Amino acid sequence: MFLNEDRHTHNIAVLTNGTGDFRIAPIFDNGAGLLSDTNMEYPLTRDPLEWIPKVKPKTFCDSFQEQMEIAEKLYGENLHFSFGYNEVETVVEKAVIYSEEIRRRVIDVVMEMKRRYSYLFTE
């Protein structure tokens, strides 16, 4: 969903409360997501919609779609989101340490991925 090129099994974890109950840990290590390498791989001079198809995961296989299909085949459609443009904009606009151009890119990328994976949204 967030085009993290560095998603691998060492970045997926579970939490336990010590009594045998487990749950998926919150997502972490997303430093390589959202076209964040604006200096080398994804310069701000191009439309993010041009970059999205070019992003490849550097683990598992080289297709985010293929990874999603494998996971859904094994575990079903258990991943669901419920957010819209206003929620994304509210969160991103609070990240004032980033330029307006970078914040706009993040909003554009998230909303495009939401469009591509619309079947994962419950709103």
PDB file of N, CA and C in Angstrom:
ATOM      1  N   MET A   1       0.823  -1.203   0.000  1.00  0.00           N
ATOM      2  CA  MET A   1       0.000   0.000   0.000  1.00  0.00           C
ATOM      3  C   MET A   1       0.862   1.261   0.000  1.00  0.00           C
ATOM      4  N   PHE A   2       2.004   1.228   0.699  1.00  0.00           N
ATOM      5  CA  PHE A   2       2.823   2.430   0.843  1.00  0.00           C
ATOM      6  C   PHE A   2       4.120   2.346   0.054  1.00  0.00           C
ATOM      7  N   LEU A   3       4.214   1.383  -0.848  1.00  0.00           N
ATOM      8  CA  LEU A   3       5.351   1.213  -1.743  1.00  0.00           C
ATOM      9  C   LEU A   3       6.677   1.114  -0.992  1.00  0.00           C
ATOM     10  N   ASN A   4       6.682   0.378   0.107  1.00  0.00           N
ATOM     11  CA  ASN A   4       7.915   0.192   0.865  1.00  0.00           C
ATOM     12  C   ASN A   4       8.758  -0.869   0.178  1.00  0.00           C
ATOM     13  N   GLU A   5       9.868  -0.452  -0.419  1.00  0.00           N
ATOM     14  CA  GLU A   5      10.744  -1.377  -1.138  1.00  0.00           C
ATOM     15  C   GLU A   5      11.451  -2.358  -0.196  1.00  0.00           C
ATOM     16  N   ASP A   6      11.464  -2.072   1.080  1.00  0.00           N
ATOM     17  CA  ASP A   6      12.213  -2.861   2.060  1.00  0.00           C
ATOM     18  C   ASP A   6      11.308  -3.742   2.925  1.00  0.00           C
ATOM     19  N   ARG A   7      10.165  -4.157   2.434  1.00  0.00           N
ATOM     20  CA  ARG A   7       9.265  -5.001   3.231  1.00  0.00           C
ATOM     21  C   ARG A   7       9.742  -6.443   3.131  1.00  0.00           C
ATOM     22  N   HIS A   8      10.090  -7.052   4.245  1.00  0.00           N
ATOM     23  CA  HIS A   8      10.527  -8.435   4.290  1.00  0.00           C
ATOM     24  C   HIS A   8      10.151  -9.025   5.644  1.00  0.00           C
ATOM     25  N   THR A   9      10.407 -10.306   5.842  1.00  0.00           N
ATOM     26  CA  THR A   9       9.916 -10.969   7.048  1.00  0.00           C
ATOM     27  C   THR A   9      10.558 -10.452   8.330  1.00  0.00           C
ATOM     28  N   HIS A  10      11.696  -9.795   8.237  1.00  0.00           N
ATOM     29  CA  HIS A  10      12.287  -9.202   9.441  1.00  0.00           C
ATOM     30  C   HIS A  10      11.594  -7.893   9.813  1.00  0.00           C
ATOM     31  N   ASN A  11      10.734  -7.404   8.957  1.00  0.00           N
ATOM     32  CA  ASN A  11       9.973  -6.186   9.230  1.00  0.00           C
ATOM     33  C   ASN A  11       8.498  -6.485   9.476  1.00  0.00           C
ATOM     34  N   ILE A  12       8.197  -7.734   9.716  1.00  0.00           N
ATOM     35  CA  ILE A  12       6.843  -8.141  10.073  1.00  0.00           C
ATOM     36  C   ILE A  12       6.965  -8.887  11.394  1.00  0.00           C
ATOM     37  N   ALA A  13       6.207  -8.480  12.381  1.00  0.00           N
ATOM     38  CA  ALA A  13       6.382  -9.059  13.709  1.00  0.00           C
ATOM     39  C   ALA A  13       5.044  -9.254  14.406  1.00  0.00           C
ATOM     40  N   VAL A  14       5.087 -10.003  15.489  1.00  0.00           N
ATOM     41  CA  VAL A  14       3.919 -10.187  16.343  1.00  0.00           C
ATOM     42  C   VAL A  14       4.279  -9.753  17.757  1.00  0.00           C
ATOM     43  N   LEU A  15       3.274  -9.402  18.517  1.00  0.00           N
ATOM     44  CA  LEU A  15       3.427  -9.043  19.926  1.00  0.00           C
ATOM     45  C   LEU A  15       2.736 -10.099  20.767  1.00  0.00           C
ATOM     46  N   THR A  16       3.241 -10.325  21.952  1.00  0.00           N
ATOM     47  CA  THR A  16       2.602 -11.243  22.886  1.00  0.00           C
ATOM     48  C   THR A  16       2.469 -10.563  24.243  1.00  0.00           C
ATOM     49  N   ASN A  17       1.457 -10.949  24.970  1.00  0.00           N
ATOM     50  CA  ASN A  17       1.273 -10.380  26.311  1.00  0.00           C
ATOM     51  C   ASN A  17       1.849 -11.293  27.385  1.00  0.00           C
ATOM     52  N   GLY A  18       2.539 -12.357  26.990  1.00  0.00           N
ATOM     53  CA  GLY A  18       3.157 -13.259  27.944  1.00  0.00           C
ATOM     54  C   GLY A  18       2.248 -14.379  28.415  1.00  0.00           C
ATOM     55  N   THR A  19       0.981 -14.347  28.028  1.00  0.00           N
ATOM     56  CA  THR A  19       0.044 -15.394  28.452  1.00  0.00           C
ATOM     57  C   THR A  19      -0.397 -16.267  27.273  1.00  0.00           C
ATOM     58  N   GLY A  20       0.334 -16.172  26.181  1.00  0.00           N
ATOM     59  CA  GLY A  20       0.005 -16.987  25.014  1.00  0.00           C
ATOM     60  C   GLY A  20      -0.845 -16.292  23.980  1.00  0.00           C
ATOM     61  N   ASP A  21      -1.231 -15.043  24.231  1.00  0.00           N
ATOM     62  CA  ASP A  21      -2.002 -14.285  23.245  1.00  0.00           C
ATOM     63  C   ASP A  21      -1.033 -13.541  22.322  1.00  0.00           C
ATOM     64  N   PHE A  22      -1.285 -13.608  21.021  1.00  0.00           N
ATOM     65  CA  PHE A  22      -0.442 -12.945  20.040  1.00  0.00           C
ATOM     66  C   PHE A  22      -1.296 -12.038  19.168  1.00  0.00           C
ATOM     67  N   ARG A  23      -0.687 -10.976  18.677  1.00  0.00           N
ATOM     68  CA  ARG A  23      -1.348 -10.124  17.682  1.00  0.00           C
ATOM     69  C   ARG A  23      -0.269  -9.513  16.795  1.00  0.00           C
ATOM     70  N   ILE A  24      -0.649  -9.104  15.619  1.00  0.00           N
ATOM     71  CA  ILE A  24       0.301  -8.492  14.687  1.00  0.00           C
ATOM     72  C   ILE A  24       0.781  -7.174  15.270  1.00  0.00           C
ATOM     73  N   ALA A  25       2.081  -6.930  15.181  1.00  0.00           N
ATOM     74  CA  ALA A  25       2.658  -5.678  15.664  1.00  0.00           C
ATOM     75  C   ALA A  25       2.300  -4.540  14.721  1.00  0.00           C
ATOM     76  N   PRO A  26       2.259  -3.326  15.245  1.00  0.00           N
ATOM     77  CA  PRO A  26       2.062  -2.178  14.351  1.00  0.00           C
ATOM     78  C   PRO A  26       3.165  -2.130  13.292  1.00  0.00           C
ATOM     79  N   ILE A  27       2.842  -1.585  12.159  1.00  0.00           N
ATOM     80  CA  ILE A  27       3.808  -1.511  11.061  1.00  0.00           C
ATOM     81  C   ILE A  27       5.008  -0.660  11.474  1.00  0.00           C
ATOM     82  N   PHE A  28       6.184  -1.057  11.031  1.00  0.00           N
ATOM     83  CA  PHE A  28       7.401  -0.315  11.349  1.00  0.00           C
ATOM     84  C   PHE A  28       8.393  -0.433  10.201  1.00  0.00           C
ATOM     85  N   ASP A  29       9.457   0.338  10.263  1.00  0.00           N
ATOM     86  CA  ASP A  29      10.526   0.355   9.261  1.00  0.00           C
ATOM     87  C   ASP A  29       9.981   0.664   7.863  1.00  0.00           C
ATOM     88  N   ASN A  30       9.362   1.819   7.751  1.00  0.00           N
ATOM     89  CA  ASN A  30       8.841   2.256   6.459  1.00  0.00           C
ATOM     90  C   ASN A  30       9.687   3.351   5.830  1.00  0.00           C
ATOM     91  N   GLY A  31      10.954   3.419   6.207  1.00  0.00           N
ATOM     92  CA  GLY A  31      11.825   4.467   5.679  1.00  0.00           C
ATOM     93  C   GLY A  31      12.005   4.436   4.177  1.00  0.00           C
ATOM     94  N   ALA A  32      11.750   3.292   3.551  1.00  0.00           N
ATOM     95  CA  ALA A  32      11.910   3.177   2.101  1.00  0.00           C
ATOM     96  C   ALA A  32      10.562   3.244   1.378  1.00  0.00           C
ATOM     97  N   GLY A  33       9.543   3.800   2.023  1.00  0.00           N
ATOM     98  CA  GLY A  33       8.217   3.866   1.417  1.00  0.00           C
ATOM     99  C   GLY A  33       7.878   5.243   0.888  1.00  0.00           C
ATOM    100  N   LEU A  34       6.768   5.322   0.208  1.00  0.00           N
ATOM    101  CA  LEU A  34       6.185   6.591  -0.265  1.00  0.00           C
ATOM    102  C   LEU A  34       7.130   7.398  -1.147  1.00  0.00           C
ATOM    103  N   LEU A  35       7.908   6.706  -1.977  1.00  0.00           N
ATOM    104  CA  LEU A  35       8.844   7.381  -2.900  1.00  0.00           C
ATOM    105  C   LEU A  35       9.770   8.324  -2.140  1.00  0.00           C
ATOM    106  N   SER A  36      10.251   7.874  -0.979  1.00  0.00           N
ATOM    107  CA  SER A  36      10.991   8.756  -0.068  1.00  0.00           C
ATOM    108  C   SER A  36      12.381   9.124  -0.541  1.00  0.00           C
ATOM    109  N   ASP A  37      12.975   8.363  -1.436  1.00  0.00           N
ATOM    110  CA  ASP A  37      14.315   8.694  -1.922  1.00  0.00           C
ATOM    111  C   ASP A  37      14.217   9.759  -3.017  1.00  0.00           C
ATOM    112  N   THR A  38      14.056  10.987  -2.576  1.00  0.00           N
ATOM    113  CA  THR A  38      13.871  12.087  -3.541  1.00  0.00           C
ATOM    114  C   THR A  38      15.196  12.600  -4.107  1.00  0.00           C
ATOM    115  N   ASN A  39      16.308  12.144  -3.557  1.00  0.00           N
ATOM    116  CA  ASN A  39      17.614  12.597  -4.047  1.00  0.00           C
ATOM    117  C   ASN A  39      18.122  11.774  -5.215  1.00  0.00           C
ATOM    118  N   MET A  40      17.860  10.476  -5.207  1.00  0.00           N
ATOM    119  CA  MET A  40      18.424   9.627  -6.259  1.00  0.00           C
ATOM    120  C   MET A  40      17.367   8.932  -7.105  1.00  0.00           C
ATOM    121  N   GLU A  41      16.509   8.142  -6.487  1.00  0.00           N
ATOM    122  CA  GLU A  41      15.614   7.290  -7.272  1.00  0.00           C
ATOM    123  C   GLU A  41      14.323   7.961  -7.726  1.00  0.00           C
ATOM    124  N   TYR A  42      13.738   8.827  -6.904  1.00  0.00           N
ATOM    125  CA  TYR A  42      12.428   9.400  -7.204  1.00  0.00           C
ATOM    126  C   TYR A  42      12.437  10.915  -7.031  1.00  0.00           C
ATOM    127  N   PRO A  43      13.171  11.644  -7.878  1.00  0.00           N
ATOM    128  CA  PRO A  43      13.243  13.100  -7.731  1.00  0.00           C
ATOM    129  C   PRO A  43      11.870  13.759  -7.780  1.00  0.00           C
ATOM    130  N   LEU A  44      11.764  14.860  -7.085  1.00  0.00           N
ATOM    131  CA  LEU A  44      10.499  15.600  -7.023  1.00  0.00           C
ATOM    132  C   LEU A  44      10.147  16.271  -8.345  1.00  0.00           C
ATOM    133  N   THR A  45      11.034  16.254  -9.297  1.00  0.00           N
ATOM    134  CA  THR A  45      10.795  16.935 -10.576  1.00  0.00           C
ATOM    135  C   THR A  45       9.821  16.194 -11.475  1.00  0.00           C
ATOM    136  N   ARG A  46       9.426  14.967 -11.097  1.00  0.00           N
ATOM    137  CA  ARG A  46       8.478  14.207 -11.913  1.00  0.00           C
ATOM    138  C   ARG A  46       7.228  13.900 -11.119  1.00  0.00           C
ATOM    139  N   ASP A  47       6.154  13.739 -11.822  1.00  0.00           N
ATOM    140  CA  ASP A  47       4.861  13.408 -11.234  1.00  0.00           C
ATOM    141  C   ASP A  47       4.958  12.052 -10.530  1.00  0.00           C
ATOM    142  N   PRO A  48       4.511  11.960  -9.270  1.00  0.00           N
ATOM    143  CA  PRO A  48       4.595  10.671  -8.571  1.00  0.00           C
ATOM    144  C   PRO A  48       3.825   9.558  -9.266  1.00  0.00           C
ATOM    145  N   LEU A  49       2.795   9.892 -10.015  1.00  0.00           N
ATOM    146  CA  LEU A  49       2.039   8.861 -10.721  1.00  0.00           C
ATOM    147  C   LEU A  49       2.880   8.197 -11.809  1.00  0.00           C
ATOM    148  N   GLU A  50       3.925   8.885 -12.281  1.00  0.00           N
ATOM    149  CA  GLU A  50       4.862   8.276 -13.231  1.00  0.00           C
ATOM    150  C   GLU A  50       5.795   7.289 -12.531  1.00  0.00           C
ATOM    151  N   TRP A  51       6.129   7.570 -11.267  1.00  0.00           N
ATOM    152  CA  TRP A  51       7.066   6.726 -10.528  1.00  0.00           C
ATOM    153  C   TRP A  51       6.412   5.456  -9.985  1.00  0.00           C
ATOM    154  N   ILE A  52       5.163   5.525  -9.582  1.00  0.00           N
ATOM    155  CA  ILE A  52       4.520   4.403  -8.882  1.00  0.00           C
ATOM    156  C   ILE A  52       4.699   3.074  -9.617  1.00  0.00           C
ATOM    157  N   PRO A  53       4.454   2.993 -10.924  1.00  0.00           N
ATOM    158  CA  PRO A  53       4.611   1.691 -11.596  1.00  0.00           C
ATOM    159  C   PRO A  53       6.056   1.199 -11.640  1.00  0.00           C
ATOM    160  N   LYS A  54       7.009   2.096 -11.430  1.00  0.00           N
ATOM    161  CA  LYS A  54       8.417   1.735 -11.514  1.00  0.00           C
ATOM    162  C   LYS A  54       8.996   1.214 -10.195  1.00  0.00           C
ATOM    163  N   VAL A  55       8.282   1.418  -9.083  1.00  0.00           N
ATOM    164  CA  VAL A  55       8.775   0.990  -7.777  1.00  0.00           C
ATOM    165  C   VAL A  55       8.664  -0.523  -7.669  1.00  0.00           C
ATOM    166  N   LYS A  56       9.746  -1.155  -7.267  1.00  0.00           N
ATOM    167  CA  LYS A  56       9.780  -2.611  -7.127  1.00  0.00           C
ATOM    168  C   LYS A  56      10.253  -2.970  -5.731  1.00  0.00           C
ATOM    169  N   PRO A  57       9.609  -3.931  -5.088  1.00  0.00           N
ATOM    170  CA  PRO A  57      10.114  -4.405  -3.811  1.00  0.00           C
ATOM    171  C   PRO A  57      11.464  -5.086  -4.033  1.00  0.00           C
ATOM    172  N   LYS A  58      12.349  -4.908  -3.102  1.00  0.00           N
ATOM    173  CA  LYS A  58      13.673  -5.491  -3.247  1.00  0.00           C
ATOM    174  C   LYS A  58      13.797  -6.790  -2.445  1.00  0.00           C
ATOM    175  N   THR A  59      12.662  -7.329  -2.057  1.00  0.00           N
ATOM    176  CA  THR A  59      12.628  -8.588  -1.315  1.00  0.00           C
ATOM    177  C   THR A  59      11.503  -9.453  -1.871  1.00  0.00           C
ATOM    178  N   PHE A  60      11.409 -10.680  -1.453  1.00  0.00           N
ATOM    179  CA  PHE A  60      10.377 -11.649  -1.866  1.00  0.00           C
ATOM    180  C   PHE A  60      10.345 -11.838  -3.382  1.00  0.00           C
ATOM    181  N   CYS A  61       9.750 -10.886  -4.069  1.00  0.00           N
ATOM    182  CA  CYS A  61       9.627 -10.899  -5.515  1.00  0.00           C
ATOM    183  C   CYS A  61       9.601  -9.435  -5.947  1.00  0.00           C
ATOM    184  N   ASP A  62       9.597  -9.171  -7.227  1.00  0.00           N
ATOM    185  CA  ASP A  62       9.695  -7.766  -7.640  1.00  0.00           C
ATOM    186  C   ASP A  62       8.360  -7.129  -8.010  1.00  0.00           C
ATOM    187  N   SER A  63       7.268  -7.631  -7.424  1.00  0.00           N
ATOM    188  CA  SER A  63       5.949  -7.079  -7.704  1.00  0.00           C
ATOM    189  C   SER A  63       5.129  -7.001  -6.418  1.00  0.00           C
ATOM    190  N   PHE A  64       4.713  -5.788  -6.062  1.00  0.00           N
ATOM    191  CA  PHE A  64       3.847  -5.622  -4.898  1.00  0.00           C
ATOM    192  C   PHE A  64       2.533  -6.377  -5.114  1.00  0.00           C
ATOM    193  N   GLN A  65       2.011  -6.332  -6.331  1.00  0.00           N
ATOM    194  CA  GLN A  65       0.754  -7.011  -6.641  1.00  0.00           C
ATOM    195  C   GLN A  65       0.898  -8.519  -6.445  1.00  0.00           C
ATOM    196  N   GLU A  66       2.028  -9.070  -6.888  1.00  0.00           N
ATOM    197  CA  GLU A  66       2.256 -10.503  -6.720  1.00  0.00           C
ATOM    198  C   GLU A  66       2.346 -10.872  -5.240  1.00  0.00           C
ATOM    199  N   GLN A  67       3.003 -10.040  -4.449  1.00  0.00           N
ATOM    200  CA  GLN A  67       3.076 -10.287  -3.012  1.00  0.00           C
ATOM    201  C   GLN A  67       1.680 -10.301  -2.396  1.00  0.00           C
ATOM    202  N   MET A  68       0.849  -9.337  -2.796  1.00  0.00           N
ATOM    203  CA  MET A  68      -0.513  -9.255  -2.273  1.00  0.00           C
ATOM    204  C   MET A  68      -1.312 -10.491  -2.670  1.00  0.00           C
ATOM    205  N   GLU A  69      -1.193 -10.925  -3.914  1.00  0.00           N
ATOM    206  CA  GLU A  69      -1.925 -12.094  -4.380  1.00  0.00           C
ATOM    207  C   GLU A  69      -1.503 -13.355  -3.630  1.00  0.00           C
ATOM    208  N   ILE A  70      -0.203 -13.507  -3.367  1.00  0.00           N
ATOM    209  CA  ILE A  70       0.294 -14.667  -2.623  1.00  0.00           C
ATOM    210  C   ILE A  70      -0.271 -14.657  -1.203  1.00  0.00           C
ATOM    211  N   ALA A  71      -0.206 -13.507  -0.551  1.00  0.00           N
ATOM    212  CA  ALA A  71      -0.713 -13.399   0.821  1.00  0.00           C
ATOM    213  C   ALA A  71      -2.213 -13.680   0.877  1.00  0.00           C
ATOM    214  N   GLU A  72      -2.967 -13.139  -0.073  1.00  0.00           N
ATOM    215  CA  GLU A  72      -4.412 -13.360  -0.075  1.00  0.00           C
ATOM    216  C   GLU A  72      -4.754 -14.817  -0.384  1.00  0.00           C
ATOM    217  N   LYS A  73      -3.974 -15.459  -1.236  1.00  0.00           N
ATOM    218  CA  LYS A  73      -4.208 -16.873  -1.528  1.00  0.00           C
ATOM    219  C   LYS A  73      -3.983 -17.719  -0.274  1.00  0.00           C
ATOM    220  N   LEU A  74      -2.939 -17.383   0.465  1.00  0.00           N
ATOM    221  CA  LEU A  74      -2.616 -18.143   1.678  1.00  0.00           C
ATOM    222  C   LEU A  74      -3.548 -17.825   2.845  1.00  0.00           C
ATOM    223  N   TYR A  75      -3.887 -16.540   3.015  1.00  0.00           N
ATOM    224  CA  TYR A  75      -4.564 -16.111   4.249  1.00  0.00           C
ATOM    225  C   TYR A  75      -5.916 -15.444   4.033  1.00  0.00           C
ATOM    226  N   GLY A  76      -6.335 -15.294   2.793  1.00  0.00           N
ATOM    227  CA  GLY A  76      -7.593 -14.619   2.515  1.00  0.00           C
ATOM    228  C   GLY A  76      -7.427 -13.109   2.516  1.00  0.00           C
ATOM    229  N   GLU A  77      -8.514 -12.413   2.281  1.00  0.00           N
ATOM    230  CA  GLU A  77      -8.497 -10.945   2.257  1.00  0.00           C
ATOM    231  C   GLU A  77      -8.748 -10.424   3.671  1.00  0.00           C
ATOM    232  N   ASN A  78      -7.712 -10.398   4.467  1.00  0.00           N
ATOM    233  CA  ASN A  78      -7.826  -9.987   5.862  1.00  0.00           C
ATOM    234  C   ASN A  78      -7.319  -8.577   6.114  1.00  0.00           C
ATOM    235  N   LEU A  79      -6.775  -7.940   5.131  1.00  0.00           N
ATOM    236  CA  LEU A  79      -6.245  -6.590   5.287  1.00  0.00           C
ATOM    237  C   LEU A  79      -7.291  -5.601   4.773  1.00  0.00           C
ATOM    238  N   HIS A  80      -7.714  -4.697   5.648  1.00  0.00           N
ATOM    239  CA  HIS A  80      -8.713  -3.715   5.257  1.00  0.00           C
ATOM    240  C   HIS A  80      -8.339  -2.351   5.829  1.00  0.00           C
ATOM    241  N   PHE A  81      -8.672  -1.327   5.086  1.00  0.00           N
ATOM    242  CA  PHE A  81      -8.394   0.044   5.500  1.00  0.00           C
ATOM    243  C   PHE A  81      -9.688   0.834   5.502  1.00  0.00           C
ATOM    244  N   SER A  82      -9.706   1.902   6.282  1.00  0.00           N
ATOM    245  CA  SER A  82     -10.862   2.783   6.309  1.00  0.00           C
ATOM    246  C   SER A  82     -10.371   4.204   6.543  1.00  0.00           C
ATOM    247  N   PHE A  83      -9.918   4.826   5.488  1.00  0.00           N
ATOM    248  CA  PHE A  83      -9.530   6.235   5.559  1.00  0.00           C
ATOM    249  C   PHE A  83      -9.746   6.868   4.197  1.00  0.00           C
ATOM    250  N   GLY A  84      -9.898   8.162   4.201  1.00  0.00           N
ATOM    251  CA  GLY A  84     -10.105   8.901   2.970  1.00  0.00           C
ATOM    252  C   GLY A  84      -9.143  10.060   2.859  1.00  0.00           C
ATOM    253  N   TYR A  85      -9.367  10.867   1.859  1.00  0.00           N
ATOM    254  CA  TYR A  85      -8.481  11.990   1.567  1.00  0.00           C
ATOM    255  C   TYR A  85      -8.312  12.907   2.771  1.00  0.00           C
ATOM    256  N   ASN A  86      -9.407  13.258   3.436  1.00  0.00           N
ATOM    257  CA  ASN A  86      -9.327  14.200   4.554  1.00  0.00           C
ATOM    258  C   ASN A  86      -8.439  13.683   5.678  1.00  0.00           C
ATOM    259  N   GLU A  87      -8.531  12.390   5.975  1.00  0.00           N
ATOM    260  CA  GLU A  87      -7.686  11.820   7.028  1.00  0.00           C
ATOM    261  C   GLU A  87      -6.213  11.843   6.629  1.00  0.00           C
ATOM    262  N   VAL A  88      -5.944  11.493   5.379  1.00  0.00           N
ATOM    263  CA  VAL A  88      -4.559  11.510   4.901  1.00  0.00           C
ATOM    264  C   VAL A  88      -4.005  12.928   4.946  1.00  0.00           C
ATOM    265  N   GLU A  89      -4.768  13.883   4.448  1.00  0.00           N
ATOM    266  CA  GLU A  89      -4.311  15.271   4.437  1.00  0.00           C
ATOM    267  C   GLU A  89      -4.054  15.785   5.856  1.00  0.00           C
ATOM    268  N   THR A  90      -4.930  15.460   6.785  1.00  0.00           N
ATOM    269  CA  THR A  90      -4.767  15.901   8.177  1.00  0.00           C
ATOM    270  C   THR A  90      -3.462  15.393   8.773  1.00  0.00           C
ATOM    271  N   VAL A  91      -3.163  14.117   8.563  1.00  0.00           N
ATOM    272  CA  VAL A  91      -1.932  13.538   9.100  1.00  0.00           C
ATOM    273  C   VAL A  91      -0.707  14.133   8.411  1.00  0.00           C
ATOM    274  N   VAL A  92      -0.733  14.183   7.106  1.00  0.00           N
ATOM    275  CA  VAL A  92       0.431  14.639   6.346  1.00  0.00           C
ATOM    276  C   VAL A  92       0.722  16.117   6.601  1.00  0.00           C
ATOM    277  N   GLU A  93      -0.291  16.929   6.703  1.00  0.00           N
ATOM    278  CA  GLU A  93      -0.065  18.364   6.904  1.00  0.00           C
ATOM    279  C   GLU A  93       0.563  18.668   8.261  1.00  0.00           C
ATOM    280  N   LYS A  94       0.492  17.740   9.201  1.00  0.00           N
ATOM    281  CA  LYS A  94       1.147  17.931  10.501  1.00  0.00           C
ATOM    282  C   LYS A  94       2.656  17.700  10.419  1.00  0.00           C
ATOM    283  N   ALA A  95       3.112  17.102   9.347  1.00  0.00           N
ATOM    284  CA  ALA A  95       4.540  16.799   9.173  1.00  0.00           C
ATOM    285  C   ALA A  95       5.259  18.024   8.611  1.00  0.00           C
ATOM    286  N   VAL A  96       5.270  19.102   9.377  1.00  0.00           N
ATOM    287  CA  VAL A  96       5.773  20.391   8.898  1.00  0.00           C
ATOM    288  C   VAL A  96       7.287  20.419   8.690  1.00  0.00           C
ATOM    289  N   ILE A  97       7.995  19.390   9.133  1.00  0.00           N
ATOM    290  CA  ILE A  97       9.437  19.368   8.881  1.00  0.00           C
ATOM    291  C   ILE A  97       9.735  19.065   7.415  1.00  0.00           C
ATOM    292  N   TYR A  98       8.725  18.603   6.668  1.00  0.00           N
ATOM    293  CA  TYR A  98       8.886  18.318   5.247  1.00  0.00           C
ATOM    294  C   TYR A  98       8.312  19.455   4.418  1.00  0.00           C
ATOM    295  N   SER A  99       8.863  19.649   3.249  1.00  0.00           N
ATOM    296  CA  SER A  99       8.388  20.715   2.365  1.00  0.00           C
ATOM    297  C   SER A  99       6.970  20.422   1.900  1.00  0.00           C
ATOM    298  N   GLU A 100       6.298  21.443   1.453  1.00  0.00           N
ATOM    299  CA  GLU A 100       4.944  21.294   0.909  1.00  0.00           C
ATOM    300  C   GLU A 100       4.963  20.328  -0.275  1.00  0.00           C
ATOM    301  N   GLU A 101       6.014  20.386  -1.077  1.00  0.00           N
ATOM    302  CA  GLU A 101       6.140  19.517  -2.243  1.00  0.00           C
ATOM    303  C   GLU A 101       6.198  18.040  -1.830  1.00  0.00           C
ATOM    304  N   ILE A 102       6.944  17.735  -0.808  1.00  0.00           N
ATOM    305  CA  ILE A 102       7.039  16.351  -0.329  1.00  0.00           C
ATOM    306  C   ILE A 102       5.724  15.915   0.301  1.00  0.00           C
ATOM    307  N   ARG A 103       5.107  16.780   1.096  1.00  0.00           N
ATOM    308  CA  ARG A 103       3.818  16.421   1.707  1.00  0.00           C
ATOM    309  C   ARG A 103       2.767  16.173   0.632  1.00  0.00           C
ATOM    310  N   ARG A 104       2.750  16.970  -0.407  1.00  0.00           N
ATOM    311  CA  ARG A 104       1.802  16.780  -1.525  1.00  0.00           C
ATOM    312  C   ARG A 104       2.055  15.443  -2.196  1.00  0.00           C
ATOM    313  N   ARG A 105       3.329  15.094  -2.383  1.00  0.00           N
ATOM    314  CA  ARG A 105       3.668  13.815  -3.007  1.00  0.00           C
ATOM    315  C   ARG A 105       3.128  12.656  -2.170  1.00  0.00           C
ATOM    316  N   VAL A 106       3.299  12.714  -0.865  1.00  0.00           N
ATOM    317  CA  VAL A 106       2.811  11.640   0.005  1.00  0.00           C
ATOM    318  C   VAL A 106       1.307  11.485  -0.145  1.00  0.00           C
ATOM    319  N   ILE A 107       0.585  12.580  -0.130  1.00  0.00           N
ATOM    320  CA  ILE A 107      -0.876  12.516  -0.299  1.00  0.00           C
ATOM    321  C   ILE A 107      -1.222  11.891  -1.648  1.00  0.00           C
ATOM    322  N   ASP A 108      -0.553  12.335  -2.709  1.00  0.00           N
ATOM    323  CA  ASP A 108      -0.828  11.800  -4.047  1.00  0.00           C
ATOM    324  C   ASP A 108      -0.551  10.299  -4.125  1.00  0.00           C
ATOM    325  N   VAL A 109       0.563   9.857  -3.541  1.00  0.00           N
ATOM    326  CA  VAL A 109       0.909   8.438  -3.586  1.00  0.00           C
ATOM    327  C   VAL A 109      -0.114   7.613  -2.813  1.00  0.00           C
ATOM    328  N   VAL A 110      -0.440   8.024  -1.602  1.00  0.00           N
ATOM    329  CA  VAL A 110      -1.392   7.257  -0.791  1.00  0.00           C
ATOM    330  C   VAL A 110      -2.757   7.193  -1.483  1.00  0.00           C
ATOM    331  N   MET A 111      -3.207   8.290  -2.035  1.00  0.00           N
ATOM    332  CA  MET A 111      -4.527   8.279  -2.679  1.00  0.00           C
ATOM    333  C   MET A 111      -4.518   7.447  -3.960  1.00  0.00           C
ATOM    334  N   GLU A 112      -3.411   7.436  -4.692  1.00  0.00           N
ATOM    335  CA  GLU A 112      -3.332   6.587  -5.883  1.00  0.00           C
ATOM    336  C   GLU A 112      -3.330   5.109  -5.488  1.00  0.00           C
ATOM    337  N   MET A 113      -2.602   4.764  -4.444  1.00  0.00           N
ATOM    338  CA  MET A 113      -2.589   3.373  -4.006  1.00  0.00           C
ATOM    339  C   MET A 113      -3.964   2.968  -3.457  1.00  0.00           C
ATOM    340  N   LYS A 114      -4.643   3.908  -2.831  1.00  0.00           N
ATOM    341  CA  LYS A 114      -6.013   3.629  -2.366  1.00  0.00           C
ATOM    342  C   LYS A 114      -6.916   3.330  -3.566  1.00  0.00           C
ATOM    343  N   ARG A 115      -6.738   4.074  -4.624  1.00  0.00           N
ATOM    344  CA  ARG A 115      -7.531   3.840  -5.840  1.00  0.00           C
ATOM    345  C   ARG A 115      -7.214   2.465  -6.417  1.00  0.00           C
ATOM    346  N   ARG A 116      -5.933   2.111  -6.495  1.00  0.00           N
ATOM    347  CA  ARG A 116      -5.523   0.836  -7.082  1.00  0.00           C
ATOM    348  C   ARG A 116      -5.988  -0.363  -6.260  1.00  0.00           C
ATOM    349  N   TYR A 117      -6.026  -0.199  -4.951  1.00  0.00           N
ATOM    350  CA  TYR A 117      -6.414  -1.291  -4.062  1.00  0.00           C
ATOM    351  C   TYR A 117      -7.748  -0.978  -3.392  1.00  0.00           C
ATOM    352  N   SER A 118      -8.668  -0.421  -4.151  1.00  0.00           N
ATOM    353  CA  SER A 118      -9.952   0.021  -3.580  1.00  0.00           C
ATOM    354  C   SER A 118     -10.723  -1.116  -2.916  1.00  0.00           C
ATOM    355  N   TYR A 119     -10.515  -2.341  -3.348  1.00  0.00           N
ATOM    356  CA  TYR A 119     -11.243  -3.458  -2.736  1.00  0.00           C
ATOM    357  C   TYR A 119     -10.827  -3.711  -1.290  1.00  0.00           C
ATOM    358  N   LEU A 120      -9.716  -3.105  -0.843  1.00  0.00           N
ATOM    359  CA  LEU A 120      -9.264  -3.253   0.545  1.00  0.00           C
ATOM    360  C   LEU A 120      -9.908  -2.239   1.478  1.00  0.00           C
ATOM    361  N   PHE A 121     -10.692  -1.313   0.927  1.00  0.00           N
ATOM    362  CA  PHE A 121     -11.259  -0.223   1.750  1.00  0.00           C
ATOM    363  C   PHE A 121     -12.701  -0.499   2.079  1.00  0.00           C
ATOM    364  N   THR A 122     -13.049  -0.177   3.333  1.00  0.00           N
ATOM    365  CA  THR A 122     -14.386  -0.479   3.827  1.00  0.00           C
ATOM    366  C   THR A 122     -15.289   0.742   3.925  1.00  0.00           C
ATOM    367  N   GLU A 123     -14.814   1.906   3.519  1.00  0.00           N
ATOM    368  CA  GLU A 123     -15.632   3.112   3.671  1.00  0.00           C
ATOM    369  C   GLU A 123     -16.669   3.251   2.614  1.00  0.00           C
TER     370      GLU A 123
END
